[in-house]
N, C-alpha and C. Protein backbone atom coordinates (compact mmCIF):
# COMPACT_ATOMS: atom_id res chain seq x y z
N MET A 1 0.86 -1.16 0.00
CA MET A 1 0.00 0.00 0.00
C MET A 1 0.91 1.23 0.00
N ARG A 2 0.52 2.18 -0.80
CA ARG A 2 1.31 3.40 -0.93
C ARG A 2 0.37 4.60 -0.83
N ALA A 3 0.79 5.60 -0.05
CA ALA A 3 -0.03 6.79 0.11
C ALA A 3 0.83 8.03 -0.05
N VAL A 4 0.30 9.00 -0.77
CA VAL A 4 0.89 10.32 -0.82
C VAL A 4 0.04 11.16 0.12
N VAL A 5 0.67 11.71 1.15
CA VAL A 5 -0.04 12.45 2.20
C VAL A 5 0.37 13.91 2.10
N GLN A 6 -0.63 14.78 1.96
CA GLN A 6 -0.37 16.21 1.85
C GLN A 6 -1.14 16.95 2.93
N VAL A 7 -0.43 17.84 3.61
CA VAL A 7 -1.10 18.74 4.55
C VAL A 7 -1.74 19.83 3.70
N ALA A 8 -3.05 20.04 3.91
CA ALA A 8 -3.77 21.00 3.08
C ALA A 8 -4.57 21.96 3.94
N SER A 9 -4.55 23.22 3.56
CA SER A 9 -5.38 24.20 4.26
C SER A 9 -6.83 24.10 3.78
N THR A 10 -7.02 23.77 2.50
CA THR A 10 -8.34 23.50 1.94
C THR A 10 -8.20 22.43 0.88
N ALA A 11 -9.27 21.67 0.65
CA ALA A 11 -9.25 20.66 -0.40
C ALA A 11 -10.66 20.16 -0.65
N HIS A 12 -10.90 19.80 -1.90
CA HIS A 12 -12.13 19.10 -2.24
C HIS A 12 -11.90 18.28 -3.50
N VAL A 13 -12.77 17.31 -3.72
CA VAL A 13 -12.70 16.47 -4.91
C VAL A 13 -14.05 16.53 -5.60
N GLU A 14 -14.00 16.67 -6.93
CA GLU A 14 -15.21 16.78 -7.74
C GLU A 14 -15.33 15.60 -8.68
N VAL A 15 -16.57 15.16 -8.88
CA VAL A 15 -16.91 14.18 -9.91
C VAL A 15 -18.04 14.80 -10.72
N GLU A 16 -17.83 14.91 -12.01
CA GLU A 16 -18.81 15.53 -12.90
C GLU A 16 -19.24 16.91 -12.39
N GLN A 17 -18.25 17.68 -11.97
CA GLN A 17 -18.42 19.06 -11.50
C GLN A 17 -19.26 19.18 -10.23
N GLN A 18 -19.40 18.09 -9.50
CA GLN A 18 -20.09 18.10 -8.20
C GLN A 18 -19.08 17.73 -7.12
N ILE A 19 -19.05 18.49 -6.04
CA ILE A 19 -18.15 18.17 -4.93
C ILE A 19 -18.68 16.93 -4.22
N VAL A 20 -17.83 15.89 -4.14
CA VAL A 20 -18.23 14.65 -3.48
C VAL A 20 -17.53 14.47 -2.13
N GLY A 21 -16.47 15.21 -1.88
CA GLY A 21 -15.76 15.15 -0.61
C GLY A 21 -14.92 16.39 -0.43
N GLU A 22 -14.83 16.87 0.82
CA GLU A 22 -14.02 18.06 1.06
C GLU A 22 -13.57 18.12 2.51
N LEU A 23 -12.47 18.81 2.72
CA LEU A 23 -12.01 19.06 4.08
C LEU A 23 -12.84 20.18 4.68
N SER A 24 -13.37 19.96 5.86
CA SER A 24 -14.17 20.98 6.54
C SER A 24 -13.29 22.02 7.23
N SER A 25 -12.04 21.68 7.43
CA SER A 25 -11.03 22.56 8.03
C SER A 25 -9.67 22.02 7.58
N PRO A 26 -8.57 22.71 7.88
CA PRO A 26 -7.27 22.19 7.46
C PRO A 26 -7.06 20.75 7.94
N GLY A 27 -6.44 19.95 7.09
CA GLY A 27 -6.22 18.54 7.41
C GLY A 27 -5.30 17.88 6.41
N LEU A 28 -5.57 16.61 6.14
CA LEU A 28 -4.71 15.81 5.27
C LEU A 28 -5.47 15.34 4.05
N VAL A 29 -4.80 15.42 2.90
CA VAL A 29 -5.28 14.79 1.69
C VAL A 29 -4.43 13.54 1.50
N VAL A 30 -5.08 12.39 1.34
CA VAL A 30 -4.39 11.12 1.21
C VAL A 30 -4.76 10.49 -0.12
N LEU A 31 -3.78 10.37 -1.02
CA LEU A 31 -3.95 9.63 -2.26
C LEU A 31 -3.48 8.22 -1.98
N LEU A 32 -4.35 7.22 -2.16
CA LEU A 32 -4.07 5.86 -1.71
C LEU A 32 -4.02 4.88 -2.88
N GLY A 33 -2.89 4.20 -3.00
CA GLY A 33 -2.72 3.15 -4.00
C GLY A 33 -2.60 1.80 -3.34
N ILE A 34 -3.16 0.79 -3.97
CA ILE A 34 -3.19 -0.56 -3.41
C ILE A 34 -2.58 -1.53 -4.41
N THR A 35 -1.73 -2.42 -3.91
CA THR A 35 -1.08 -3.42 -4.75
C THR A 35 -1.60 -4.82 -4.38
N HIS A 36 -1.14 -5.81 -5.11
CA HIS A 36 -1.70 -7.16 -5.04
C HIS A 36 -1.60 -7.85 -3.68
N ASP A 37 -0.53 -7.64 -2.95
CA ASP A 37 -0.37 -8.37 -1.69
C ASP A 37 -0.84 -7.59 -0.46
N ASP A 38 -1.51 -6.47 -0.67
CA ASP A 38 -2.06 -5.72 0.46
C ASP A 38 -3.26 -6.45 1.04
N ASP A 39 -3.46 -6.26 2.35
CA ASP A 39 -4.60 -6.87 3.04
C ASP A 39 -5.07 -5.92 4.14
N GLN A 40 -6.02 -6.38 4.95
CA GLN A 40 -6.55 -5.51 5.99
C GLN A 40 -5.49 -5.14 7.03
N ALA A 41 -4.58 -6.05 7.32
CA ALA A 41 -3.50 -5.72 8.28
C ALA A 41 -2.63 -4.59 7.73
N THR A 42 -2.35 -4.63 6.44
CA THR A 42 -1.58 -3.56 5.80
C THR A 42 -2.34 -2.25 5.89
N ALA A 43 -3.63 -2.30 5.60
CA ALA A 43 -4.46 -1.09 5.65
C ALA A 43 -4.47 -0.48 7.04
N ARG A 44 -4.58 -1.32 8.07
CA ARG A 44 -4.58 -0.81 9.45
C ARG A 44 -3.25 -0.15 9.78
N LYS A 45 -2.15 -0.78 9.39
CA LYS A 45 -0.82 -0.24 9.68
C LYS A 45 -0.62 1.12 9.01
N VAL A 46 -0.99 1.24 7.75
CA VAL A 46 -0.82 2.50 7.03
C VAL A 46 -1.77 3.57 7.58
N ALA A 47 -3.01 3.19 7.86
CA ALA A 47 -3.97 4.15 8.42
C ALA A 47 -3.49 4.70 9.76
N GLU A 48 -3.03 3.82 10.64
CA GLU A 48 -2.53 4.26 11.94
C GLU A 48 -1.33 5.18 11.80
N LYS A 49 -0.42 4.86 10.88
CA LYS A 49 0.76 5.69 10.67
C LYS A 49 0.35 7.09 10.22
N ILE A 50 -0.54 7.17 9.24
CA ILE A 50 -0.96 8.47 8.73
C ILE A 50 -1.70 9.27 9.80
N TRP A 51 -2.62 8.64 10.51
CA TRP A 51 -3.44 9.29 11.53
C TRP A 51 -2.57 9.87 12.64
N ARG A 52 -1.45 9.23 12.91
CA ARG A 52 -0.61 9.63 14.05
C ARG A 52 0.67 10.37 13.66
N LEU A 53 0.90 10.58 12.36
CA LEU A 53 2.09 11.33 11.93
C LEU A 53 2.03 12.76 12.46
N ARG A 54 3.11 13.21 13.06
CA ARG A 54 3.16 14.57 13.62
C ARG A 54 3.66 15.53 12.55
N ILE A 55 2.76 15.86 11.60
CA ILE A 55 3.14 16.70 10.47
C ILE A 55 2.32 17.97 10.35
N LEU A 56 1.38 18.17 11.24
CA LEU A 56 0.61 19.41 11.22
C LEU A 56 1.36 20.48 12.02
N SER A 57 0.83 21.68 12.07
CA SER A 57 1.53 22.76 12.76
C SER A 57 1.84 22.38 14.20
N ASP A 58 2.94 22.88 14.68
CA ASP A 58 3.43 22.59 16.03
C ASP A 58 3.67 21.10 16.25
N GLU A 59 4.00 20.39 15.17
CA GLU A 59 4.30 18.96 15.22
C GLU A 59 3.18 18.14 15.86
N THR A 60 1.95 18.48 15.53
CA THR A 60 0.82 17.68 16.01
C THR A 60 0.37 16.73 14.91
N SER A 61 -0.33 15.71 15.32
CA SER A 61 -0.87 14.73 14.38
C SER A 61 -2.31 15.09 14.05
N ALA A 62 -2.84 14.48 13.02
CA ALA A 62 -4.26 14.65 12.70
C ALA A 62 -5.10 14.14 13.87
N GLU A 63 -4.62 13.08 14.50
CA GLU A 63 -5.33 12.53 15.67
C GLU A 63 -5.41 13.57 16.79
N ALA A 64 -4.26 14.16 17.15
CA ALA A 64 -4.23 15.13 18.26
C ALA A 64 -5.01 16.41 17.93
N ALA A 65 -5.01 16.79 16.65
CA ALA A 65 -5.67 18.04 16.24
C ALA A 65 -7.12 17.82 15.81
N SER A 66 -7.55 16.57 15.80
CA SER A 66 -8.88 16.23 15.26
C SER A 66 -9.06 16.78 13.85
N ALA A 67 -8.00 16.71 13.07
CA ALA A 67 -8.01 17.23 11.70
C ALA A 67 -8.68 16.21 10.77
N PRO A 68 -9.46 16.69 9.82
CA PRO A 68 -10.12 15.79 8.88
C PRO A 68 -9.16 15.25 7.83
N LEU A 69 -9.58 14.17 7.18
CA LEU A 69 -8.82 13.58 6.09
C LEU A 69 -9.71 13.45 4.87
N LEU A 70 -9.14 13.69 3.71
CA LEU A 70 -9.80 13.47 2.43
C LEU A 70 -9.01 12.35 1.75
N VAL A 71 -9.60 11.17 1.64
CA VAL A 71 -8.92 9.99 1.12
C VAL A 71 -9.44 9.69 -0.29
N ILE A 72 -8.51 9.60 -1.23
CA ILE A 72 -8.85 9.44 -2.64
C ILE A 72 -8.09 8.24 -3.20
N SER A 73 -8.81 7.32 -3.83
CA SER A 73 -8.15 6.16 -4.45
C SER A 73 -7.29 6.63 -5.61
N GLN A 74 -6.12 6.01 -5.76
CA GLN A 74 -5.15 6.48 -6.76
C GLN A 74 -4.30 5.30 -7.24
N PHE A 75 -4.85 4.48 -8.14
CA PHE A 75 -4.12 3.31 -8.61
C PHE A 75 -2.82 3.67 -9.31
N THR A 76 -2.73 4.90 -9.83
CA THR A 76 -1.53 5.29 -10.57
C THR A 76 -0.29 5.38 -9.68
N LEU A 77 -0.46 5.34 -8.36
CA LEU A 77 0.72 5.34 -7.48
C LEU A 77 1.56 4.08 -7.67
N TYR A 78 0.96 3.05 -8.26
CA TYR A 78 1.71 1.83 -8.57
C TYR A 78 2.04 1.73 -10.05
N GLY A 79 2.01 2.85 -10.76
CA GLY A 79 2.43 2.86 -12.15
C GLY A 79 3.95 2.71 -12.23
N SER A 80 4.40 1.99 -13.23
CA SER A 80 5.83 1.80 -13.43
C SER A 80 6.24 2.41 -14.76
N VAL A 81 7.34 3.15 -14.74
CA VAL A 81 7.87 3.76 -15.96
C VAL A 81 9.25 3.21 -16.28
N ARG A 82 9.53 2.00 -15.81
CA ARG A 82 10.85 1.39 -16.02
C ARG A 82 11.18 1.21 -17.49
N LYS A 83 10.19 0.79 -18.29
CA LYS A 83 10.46 0.51 -19.70
C LYS A 83 9.52 1.34 -20.58
N GLY A 84 10.05 1.76 -21.69
CA GLY A 84 9.24 2.44 -22.68
C GLY A 84 8.74 3.81 -22.24
N ARG A 85 7.73 4.28 -22.96
CA ARG A 85 7.17 5.61 -22.69
C ARG A 85 5.76 5.55 -22.14
N ARG A 86 5.19 4.35 -22.07
CA ARG A 86 3.83 4.19 -21.56
C ARG A 86 3.91 3.50 -20.20
N PRO A 87 3.31 4.09 -19.16
CA PRO A 87 3.36 3.45 -17.84
C PRO A 87 2.67 2.09 -17.84
N SER A 88 3.17 1.22 -17.01
CA SER A 88 2.54 -0.08 -16.78
C SER A 88 1.79 -0.01 -15.46
N TRP A 89 0.60 -0.58 -15.43
CA TRP A 89 -0.23 -0.56 -14.22
C TRP A 89 -0.29 -1.95 -13.58
N SER A 90 0.59 -2.85 -13.98
CA SER A 90 0.49 -4.24 -13.51
C SER A 90 0.72 -4.40 -12.01
N ASP A 91 1.37 -3.45 -11.36
CA ASP A 91 1.59 -3.55 -9.91
C ASP A 91 0.38 -3.07 -9.10
N ALA A 92 -0.56 -2.41 -9.75
CA ALA A 92 -1.77 -1.95 -9.06
C ALA A 92 -2.78 -3.10 -8.99
N ALA A 93 -3.37 -3.26 -7.83
CA ALA A 93 -4.40 -4.30 -7.68
C ALA A 93 -5.63 -3.92 -8.50
N PRO A 94 -6.31 -4.91 -9.08
CA PRO A 94 -7.53 -4.59 -9.84
C PRO A 94 -8.64 -4.09 -8.92
N GLY A 95 -9.60 -3.40 -9.50
CA GLY A 95 -10.69 -2.81 -8.73
C GLY A 95 -11.41 -3.77 -7.81
N ALA A 96 -11.61 -5.00 -8.26
CA ALA A 96 -12.33 -5.98 -7.43
C ALA A 96 -11.58 -6.28 -6.14
N VAL A 97 -10.27 -6.11 -6.15
CA VAL A 97 -9.45 -6.32 -4.95
C VAL A 97 -9.28 -5.01 -4.20
N SER A 98 -8.99 -3.94 -4.92
CA SER A 98 -8.62 -2.69 -4.26
C SER A 98 -9.80 -1.91 -3.70
N GLU A 99 -10.96 -1.98 -4.33
CA GLU A 99 -12.09 -1.19 -3.82
C GLU A 99 -12.50 -1.62 -2.41
N PRO A 100 -12.68 -2.91 -2.12
CA PRO A 100 -13.02 -3.27 -0.74
C PRO A 100 -11.92 -2.89 0.26
N LEU A 101 -10.67 -2.97 -0.15
CA LEU A 101 -9.58 -2.61 0.75
C LEU A 101 -9.52 -1.10 0.97
N TYR A 102 -9.80 -0.33 -0.05
CA TYR A 102 -9.91 1.12 0.07
C TYR A 102 -11.03 1.47 1.06
N GLU A 103 -12.18 0.84 0.90
CA GLU A 103 -13.32 1.07 1.80
C GLU A 103 -12.96 0.68 3.24
N TYR A 104 -12.22 -0.41 3.39
CA TYR A 104 -11.79 -0.85 4.72
C TYR A 104 -10.85 0.19 5.34
N PHE A 105 -9.91 0.69 4.55
CA PHE A 105 -8.97 1.71 5.01
C PHE A 105 -9.73 2.92 5.55
N VAL A 106 -10.71 3.39 4.81
CA VAL A 106 -11.52 4.54 5.22
C VAL A 106 -12.30 4.22 6.49
N SER A 107 -12.92 3.05 6.55
CA SER A 107 -13.71 2.70 7.73
C SER A 107 -12.82 2.52 8.96
N TYR A 108 -11.62 2.01 8.77
CA TYR A 108 -10.71 1.86 9.90
C TYR A 108 -10.26 3.23 10.43
N LEU A 109 -9.97 4.17 9.55
CA LEU A 109 -9.65 5.52 10.00
C LEU A 109 -10.80 6.09 10.83
N ARG A 110 -12.02 5.85 10.40
CA ARG A 110 -13.18 6.33 11.15
C ARG A 110 -13.27 5.64 12.50
N GLU A 111 -12.95 4.35 12.57
CA GLU A 111 -12.91 3.65 13.86
C GLU A 111 -11.89 4.28 14.80
N LEU A 112 -10.78 4.78 14.23
CA LEU A 112 -9.74 5.43 15.03
C LEU A 112 -10.19 6.80 15.53
N GLY A 113 -11.28 7.31 15.00
CA GLY A 113 -11.81 8.60 15.43
C GLY A 113 -11.69 9.70 14.39
N ALA A 114 -11.24 9.38 13.20
CA ALA A 114 -11.04 10.39 12.16
C ALA A 114 -12.35 10.76 11.48
N HIS A 115 -12.46 12.04 11.12
CA HIS A 115 -13.51 12.47 10.20
C HIS A 115 -12.92 12.30 8.81
N VAL A 116 -13.51 11.42 8.00
CA VAL A 116 -12.95 11.10 6.69
C VAL A 116 -13.98 11.40 5.60
N GLU A 117 -13.54 12.15 4.62
CA GLU A 117 -14.29 12.37 3.40
C GLU A 117 -13.57 11.59 2.30
N THR A 118 -14.27 11.29 1.21
CA THR A 118 -13.66 10.50 0.16
C THR A 118 -13.99 11.06 -1.22
N GLY A 119 -13.23 10.56 -2.18
CA GLY A 119 -13.58 10.75 -3.57
C GLY A 119 -14.55 9.63 -3.94
N ARG A 120 -14.65 9.33 -5.21
CA ARG A 120 -15.50 8.23 -5.66
C ARG A 120 -14.61 7.22 -6.39
N PHE A 121 -14.56 6.02 -5.85
CA PHE A 121 -13.67 4.98 -6.38
C PHE A 121 -13.95 4.76 -7.86
N GLY A 122 -12.89 4.76 -8.66
CA GLY A 122 -12.98 4.45 -10.08
C GLY A 122 -13.47 5.58 -10.96
N ALA A 123 -13.85 6.70 -10.38
CA ALA A 123 -14.37 7.82 -11.17
C ALA A 123 -13.23 8.73 -11.63
N MET A 124 -13.48 9.46 -12.69
CA MET A 124 -12.58 10.54 -13.10
C MET A 124 -12.85 11.70 -12.15
N MET A 125 -11.82 12.09 -11.39
CA MET A 125 -12.01 13.09 -10.34
C MET A 125 -11.13 14.31 -10.59
N GLY A 126 -11.61 15.45 -10.15
CA GLY A 126 -10.82 16.67 -10.10
C GLY A 126 -10.48 16.92 -8.64
N VAL A 127 -9.21 16.92 -8.32
CA VAL A 127 -8.77 17.13 -6.94
C VAL A 127 -8.22 18.54 -6.83
N HIS A 128 -8.78 19.31 -5.92
CA HIS A 128 -8.37 20.70 -5.72
C HIS A 128 -7.86 20.83 -4.29
N LEU A 129 -6.63 21.32 -4.14
CA LEU A 129 -6.11 21.50 -2.79
C LEU A 129 -5.09 22.62 -2.74
N VAL A 130 -4.97 23.18 -1.56
CA VAL A 130 -3.89 24.12 -1.28
C VAL A 130 -2.99 23.41 -0.28
N ASN A 131 -1.82 23.00 -0.78
CA ASN A 131 -0.85 22.29 0.04
C ASN A 131 -0.23 23.29 1.00
N SER A 132 -0.28 22.99 2.27
CA SER A 132 0.20 23.91 3.30
C SER A 132 1.61 23.51 3.70
N GLY A 133 2.52 24.46 3.63
CA GLY A 133 3.91 24.19 4.03
C GLY A 133 4.88 24.58 2.94
N PRO A 134 4.95 23.89 1.82
CA PRO A 134 4.21 22.67 1.49
C PRO A 134 4.77 21.46 2.23
N MET A 135 3.87 20.55 2.56
CA MET A 135 4.26 19.31 3.24
C MET A 135 3.62 18.15 2.50
N THR A 136 4.46 17.31 1.91
CA THR A 136 4.02 16.12 1.19
C THR A 136 4.94 14.97 1.56
N LEU A 137 4.37 13.86 1.97
CA LEU A 137 5.13 12.67 2.32
C LEU A 137 4.60 11.46 1.57
N ILE A 138 5.47 10.50 1.32
CA ILE A 138 5.05 9.22 0.78
C ILE A 138 5.14 8.20 1.91
N VAL A 139 4.02 7.53 2.18
CA VAL A 139 3.98 6.48 3.18
C VAL A 139 3.79 5.17 2.42
N ASP A 140 4.79 4.30 2.50
CA ASP A 140 4.75 3.03 1.79
C ASP A 140 4.80 1.90 2.80
N SER A 141 3.85 0.99 2.72
CA SER A 141 3.80 -0.10 3.70
C SER A 141 5.08 -0.93 3.68
N ALA A 142 5.77 -0.97 2.55
CA ALA A 142 7.03 -1.72 2.47
C ALA A 142 8.11 -1.10 3.36
N ASP A 143 7.97 0.16 3.70
CA ASP A 143 8.96 0.87 4.52
C ASP A 143 8.62 0.87 6.00
N LEU A 144 7.43 0.38 6.38
CA LEU A 144 6.99 0.44 7.77
C LEU A 144 7.45 -0.80 8.53
N ALA A 145 7.88 -0.57 9.76
CA ALA A 145 8.32 -1.69 10.60
C ALA A 145 7.14 -2.42 11.19
């Protein structure tokens, strides 16, 4: 599982020019990619790491600040550009595997106490955000102990 985490002062995601999810106050935008060997244990580990990262102002976490999260599915995080000029998506889990795990990730964050908004899985989305800091991190489950 791979996530690009951005601290944002404002953010929203649109589908067909309709806002489907937005931050109600400054918080985190999480672009989430899922690969073939990810499971619920992986989702819990990544969710806990993101929720507790001390990356907001004054080195507080989203948990400590009760900051909202906007979580958006992003299969392209597993795109490979090793060969040729066209990315390969073979490392990204197919929708039938990744959609339930994405939903689990979101529900687990909510169990932890997070206010979570989402995009729409599989839709063409417009993501609008003002990155604060700027602060952007990559959280990869392969790097977590």
